[in-house]
Amino acid sequence: MLQIAIIEDEEIYTEISNYCEGEVVMRDGLPVSTKKDRRMHGYGVRSIRYAAEKYSGSVAYEQEKEQFRVKILIPKPITQNKKQHMLM
């Protein structure tokens, strides 16, 4: 069962977990696709990592038994109003 949680505060935290069979193989910090045509898969996880890094965030992958999780943390930018409030 796919589960998604999003928590927004000073940063945006997203956690996605899903059932998986067997151990997830990681290469270069990313999970390796188990699909037959691997050349046409895996773009989503690379795009998530790219977007998180672009906005000074991070992505972590973890597996616990038959649950695979993706955790994404992206800091919220400081708006002009927040900057002014912080200076006062």
Protein backbone atom coordinates (compact mmCIF):
# COMPACT_ATOMS: atom_id res chain seq x y z
CA MET A 1 0.00 0.00 0.00
CA LEU A 2 1.37 3.40 -0.99
CA GLN A 3 1.45 5.98 1.81
CA ILE A 4 2.26 9.67 1.42
CA ALA A 5 2.75 12.21 4.23
CA ILE A 6 3.53 15.90 3.73
CA ILE A 7 4.38 18.17 6.65
CA GLU A 8 4.91 21.89 6.10
CA ASP A 9 6.58 24.16 8.64
CA GLU A 10 9.89 25.98 8.17
CA GLU A 11 10.59 23.31 5.58
CA ILE A 12 8.53 20.95 3.50
CA TYR A 13 8.95 17.32 4.49
CA THR A 14 7.52 14.59 2.28
CA GLU A 15 7.67 10.89 3.02
CA ILE A 16 6.48 8.24 0.59
CA SER A 17 6.48 4.58 1.55
CA ASN A 18 5.47 1.53 -0.41
CA TYR A 19 5.64 -2.24 -0.22
CA CYS A 20 8.62 -3.88 -1.90
CA GLU A 21 9.77 -7.45 -2.36
CA GLY A 22 13.37 -8.29 -1.64
CA GLU A 23 16.26 -5.98 -0.92
CA VAL A 24 16.46 -2.71 -2.84
CA VAL A 25 19.80 -2.36 -4.61
CA MET A 26 21.32 1.13 -4.49
CA ARG A 27 23.79 2.58 -7.00
CA ASP A 28 25.22 6.10 -6.77
CA GLY A 29 22.81 6.83 -3.91
CA LEU A 30 19.72 5.90 -5.94
CA PRO A 31 17.58 2.76 -6.01
CA VAL A 32 18.14 0.58 -9.08
CA SER A 33 15.06 -0.32 -11.12
CA THR A 34 14.06 -3.98 -11.16
CA LYS A 35 12.19 -3.57 -14.44
CA LYS A 36 13.51 -5.46 -17.46
CA ASP A 37 14.20 -2.38 -19.59
CA ARG A 38 16.26 -0.37 -17.08
CA ARG A 39 17.28 2.21 -19.68
CA MET A 40 13.71 3.54 -19.75
CA HIS A 41 13.20 3.64 -15.96
CA GLY A 42 14.63 5.48 -12.96
CA TYR A 43 14.14 9.01 -14.26
CA GLY A 44 11.69 9.83 -11.45
CA VAL A 45 14.15 9.20 -8.62
CA ARG A 46 16.83 11.22 -10.43
CA SER A 47 14.37 14.06 -10.98
CA ILE A 48 13.42 14.05 -7.29
CA ARG A 49 17.09 14.25 -6.27
CA TYR A 50 17.76 17.03 -8.79
CA ALA A 51 14.78 19.10 -7.59
CA ALA A 52 15.66 18.65 -3.91
CA GLU A 53 19.29 19.69 -4.49
CA LYS A 54 18.22 22.63 -6.65
CA TYR A 55 16.25 24.03 -3.70
CA SER A 56 18.96 23.22 -1.09
CA GLY A 57 17.08 20.16 0.12
CA SER A 58 17.88 16.51 0.54
CA VAL A 59 16.53 13.07 -0.32
CA ALA A 60 17.03 9.88 1.67
CA TYR A 61 16.04 6.35 0.73
CA GLU A 62 15.62 3.60 3.30
CA GLN A 63 14.24 0.11 3.52
CA GLU A 64 12.83 -1.61 6.58
CA LYS A 65 11.78 -5.19 5.90
CA GLU A 66 9.20 -4.96 3.09
CA GLN A 67 8.71 -1.17 3.28
CA PHE A 68 10.71 1.17 1.08
CA ARG A 69 10.68 4.88 1.97
CA VAL A 70 11.68 8.06 0.20
CA LYS A 71 12.14 11.08 2.48
CA ILE A 72 12.39 14.53 0.91
CA LEU A 73 13.22 17.67 2.87
CA ILE A 74 13.18 21.11 1.21
CA PRO A 75 13.63 24.33 3.20
CA LYS A 76 11.09 27.04 2.54
CA PRO A 77 12.63 30.23 1.16
CA ILE A 78 12.66 33.28 3.39
CA THR A 79 10.18 35.76 1.96
CA GLN A 80 10.72 39.51 2.01
CA ASN A 81 8.15 39.88 4.83
CA LYS A 82 9.96 37.29 6.94
CA LYS A 83 13.30 39.02 6.31
CA GLN A 84 11.92 42.36 7.47
CA HIS A 85 10.35 40.77 10.55
CA MET A 86 13.65 39.07 11.42
CA LEU A 87 15.52 42.40 11.24
CA MET A 88 13.16 44.21 13.63
